[in-house]
Amino acid sequence: MTHIDKEYAERLLEEAREALKLARSIISRRSLDEFMADPEARYALRYTLILLVESLADLSVAILEADFGEAPASYREAFLSLSTRGITGYTLAESMARLASLRNLLVHRYWNIDDARLYRETGENLSLVERLVEELERYVEADKDP
């Protein structure tokens, strides 16, 4: 039984679902060449990835704190701790940890961003992010009262 605030969790999940939908739209409507030539799309994807990672990391931290008394020191650590706690698999947690690192580059070193890398890594990981959203949703809803 999870002790996380369900309303808070649902707000974060909804934020992640919206960001996931937007990221998928940005990637699917443009080739890499079109994306690189479109500054609005590049900046939109940057912010969308930040929002996506932060909403899922915040939910991960909240779960770890509420259910395990654990306070991860970073978003990377939060995702990896999900696997050690049996909430998700290691491969998924590791992929999310890599996206957290990419988010850190966006937030702290935005002038050195390789937008082509951002496009490729976001596109390659959207299905994994979607899977994490589903797994966290199942975790939060598992013991919901009928």
Protein backbone atom coordinates (compact mmCIF):
# COMPACT_ATOMS: atom_id res chain seq x y z
CA MET A 1 0.00 0.00 0.00
CA THR A 2 1.44 3.34 -1.03
CA HIS A 3 1.26 6.36 1.24
CA ILE A 4 1.73 8.93 -1.49
CA ASP A 5 -0.90 11.64 -1.91
CA LYS A 6 -2.96 10.33 -4.84
CA GLU A 7 -4.01 13.79 -6.06
CA TYR A 8 -0.40 14.97 -6.13
CA ALA A 9 0.63 11.81 -7.96
CA GLU A 10 -2.14 12.22 -10.52
CA ARG A 11 -1.16 15.84 -11.18
CA LEU A 12 2.43 14.77 -11.87
CA LEU A 13 1.30 11.87 -14.05
CA GLU A 14 -0.98 14.16 -16.06
CA GLU A 15 1.87 16.63 -16.52
CA ALA A 16 4.09 13.79 -17.74
CA ARG A 17 1.41 12.49 -20.13
CA GLU A 18 0.96 15.98 -21.62
CA ALA A 19 4.71 16.46 -22.03
CA LEU A 20 5.04 12.99 -23.56
CA LYS A 21 2.30 13.78 -26.07
CA LEU A 22 3.98 17.07 -27.01
CA ALA A 23 7.43 15.47 -27.34
CA ARG A 24 5.98 12.75 -29.57
CA SER A 25 4.31 15.42 -31.71
CA ILE A 26 7.49 17.48 -32.07
CA ILE A 27 9.55 14.43 -33.05
CA SER A 28 7.00 12.73 -35.32
CA ARG A 29 6.16 15.81 -37.40
CA ARG A 30 9.74 16.64 -38.33
CA SER A 31 12.77 14.91 -39.75
CA LEU A 32 16.04 15.64 -38.00
CA ASP A 33 16.90 18.19 -40.71
CA GLU A 34 13.56 19.96 -40.29
CA PHE A 35 13.93 19.92 -36.52
CA MET A 36 17.42 21.43 -36.66
CA ALA A 37 16.17 24.19 -38.98
CA ASP A 38 13.28 25.08 -36.65
CA PRO A 39 14.41 27.04 -33.56
CA GLU A 40 10.91 26.99 -32.06
CA ALA A 41 10.78 23.20 -32.25
CA ARG A 42 14.27 22.92 -30.72
CA TYR A 43 13.39 25.14 -27.77
CA ALA A 44 10.00 23.49 -27.36
CA LEU A 45 11.59 20.04 -27.19
CA ARG A 46 14.19 21.27 -24.70
CA TYR A 47 11.53 22.56 -22.33
CA THR A 48 9.27 19.56 -22.90
CA LEU A 49 12.05 17.15 -21.96
CA ILE A 50 12.78 19.16 -18.81
CA LEU A 51 9.11 19.08 -17.84
CA LEU A 52 8.78 15.38 -18.62
CA VAL A 53 11.81 14.32 -16.60
CA GLU A 54 11.01 16.62 -13.70
CA SER A 55 7.41 15.46 -13.34
CA LEU A 56 8.42 11.78 -13.35
CA ALA A 57 11.41 12.38 -11.08
CA ASP A 58 9.29 14.38 -8.62
CA LEU A 59 6.79 11.53 -8.51
CA SER A 60 9.60 9.02 -8.05
CA VAL A 61 11.03 11.05 -5.17
CA ALA A 62 7.59 11.35 -3.56
CA ILE A 63 7.06 7.58 -3.77
CA LEU A 64 10.50 6.82 -2.37
CA GLU A 65 10.02 9.28 0.49
CA ALA A 66 6.44 8.25 1.35
CA ASP A 67 6.84 4.49 1.03
CA PHE A 68 10.50 3.82 1.80
CA GLY A 69 11.71 6.78 3.85
CA GLU A 70 14.33 7.40 1.19
CA ALA A 71 15.40 10.87 0.05
CA PRO A 72 17.31 10.53 -3.23
CA ALA A 73 20.02 13.13 -3.77
CA SER A 74 19.32 13.52 -7.49
CA TYR A 75 16.82 12.72 -10.20
CA ARG A 76 19.20 10.07 -11.55
CA GLU A 77 19.34 8.44 -8.13
CA ALA A 78 15.56 8.57 -7.81
CA PHE A 79 15.04 6.68 -11.07
CA LEU A 80 17.68 4.09 -10.19
CA SER A 81 16.18 3.62 -6.72
CA LEU A 82 12.85 2.70 -8.32
CA SER A 83 14.52 -0.43 -9.66
CA THR A 84 16.20 -1.37 -6.37
CA ARG A 85 12.80 -1.05 -4.68
CA GLY A 86 11.17 -3.30 -7.28
CA ILE A 87 8.90 -0.62 -8.68
CA THR A 88 10.40 -0.80 -12.14
CA GLY A 89 13.08 -2.75 -13.97
CA TYR A 90 16.72 -1.75 -14.04
CA THR A 91 16.89 -1.20 -17.81
CA LEU A 92 14.01 1.25 -17.66
CA ALA A 93 15.45 3.00 -14.61
CA GLU A 94 18.85 3.29 -16.29
CA SER A 95 17.29 4.81 -19.42
CA MET A 96 15.43 7.35 -17.31
CA ALA A 97 18.64 8.14 -15.42
CA ARG A 98 20.27 8.95 -18.77
CA LEU A 99 17.36 11.24 -19.65
CA ALA A 100 17.80 12.90 -16.25
CA SER A 101 21.43 13.57 -17.20
CA LEU A 102 20.27 15.07 -20.48
CA ARG A 103 17.79 17.22 -18.53
CA ASN A 104 20.65 18.38 -16.31
CA LEU A 105 22.59 19.51 -19.38
CA LEU A 106 19.55 21.42 -20.59
CA VAL A 107 19.04 23.16 -17.27
CA HIS A 108 22.63 23.88 -16.32
CA ARG A 109 24.55 24.08 -19.61
CA TYR A 110 21.99 25.14 -22.16
CA TRP A 111 24.55 26.91 -24.33
CA ASN A 112 26.30 23.58 -25.07
CA ILE A 113 23.22 21.61 -26.10
CA ASP A 114 23.51 19.26 -29.04
CA ASP A 115 19.97 19.52 -30.40
CA ALA A 116 20.51 16.60 -32.77
CA ARG A 117 21.35 14.43 -29.75
CA LEU A 118 18.29 15.76 -27.98
CA TYR A 119 16.10 14.85 -30.97
CA ARG A 120 17.58 11.35 -31.30
CA GLU A 121 17.61 10.48 -27.59
CA THR A 122 14.13 11.81 -27.00
CA GLY A 123 12.78 9.90 -29.98
CA GLU A 124 14.58 6.70 -28.97
CA ASN A 125 13.27 6.88 -25.39
CA LEU A 126 9.64 7.93 -25.78
CA SER A 127 8.32 4.38 -25.54
CA LEU A 128 10.39 3.82 -22.39
CA VAL A 129 9.10 7.03 -20.85
CA GLU A 130 5.57 5.94 -21.69
CA ARG A 131 6.24 2.61 -19.99
CA LEU A 132 7.47 4.37 -16.85
CA VAL A 133 4.34 6.53 -16.78
CA GLU A 134 2.24 3.36 -16.99
CA GLU A 135 4.26 1.58 -14.29
CA LEU A 136 4.11 4.53 -11.90
CA GLU A 137 0.41 4.89 -12.56
CA ARG A 138 -0.15 1.21 -11.74
CA TYR A 139 1.96 1.56 -8.59
CA VAL A 140 0.02 4.58 -7.37
CA GLU A 141 -3.37 3.09 -8.25
CA ALA A 142 -2.64 -0.51 -7.12
CA ASP A 143 -4.27 -0.18 -3.74
CA LYS A 144 -6.88 2.43 -4.62
CA ASP A 145 -10.13 1.88 -2.81
CA PRO A 146 -12.96 0.55 -5.04
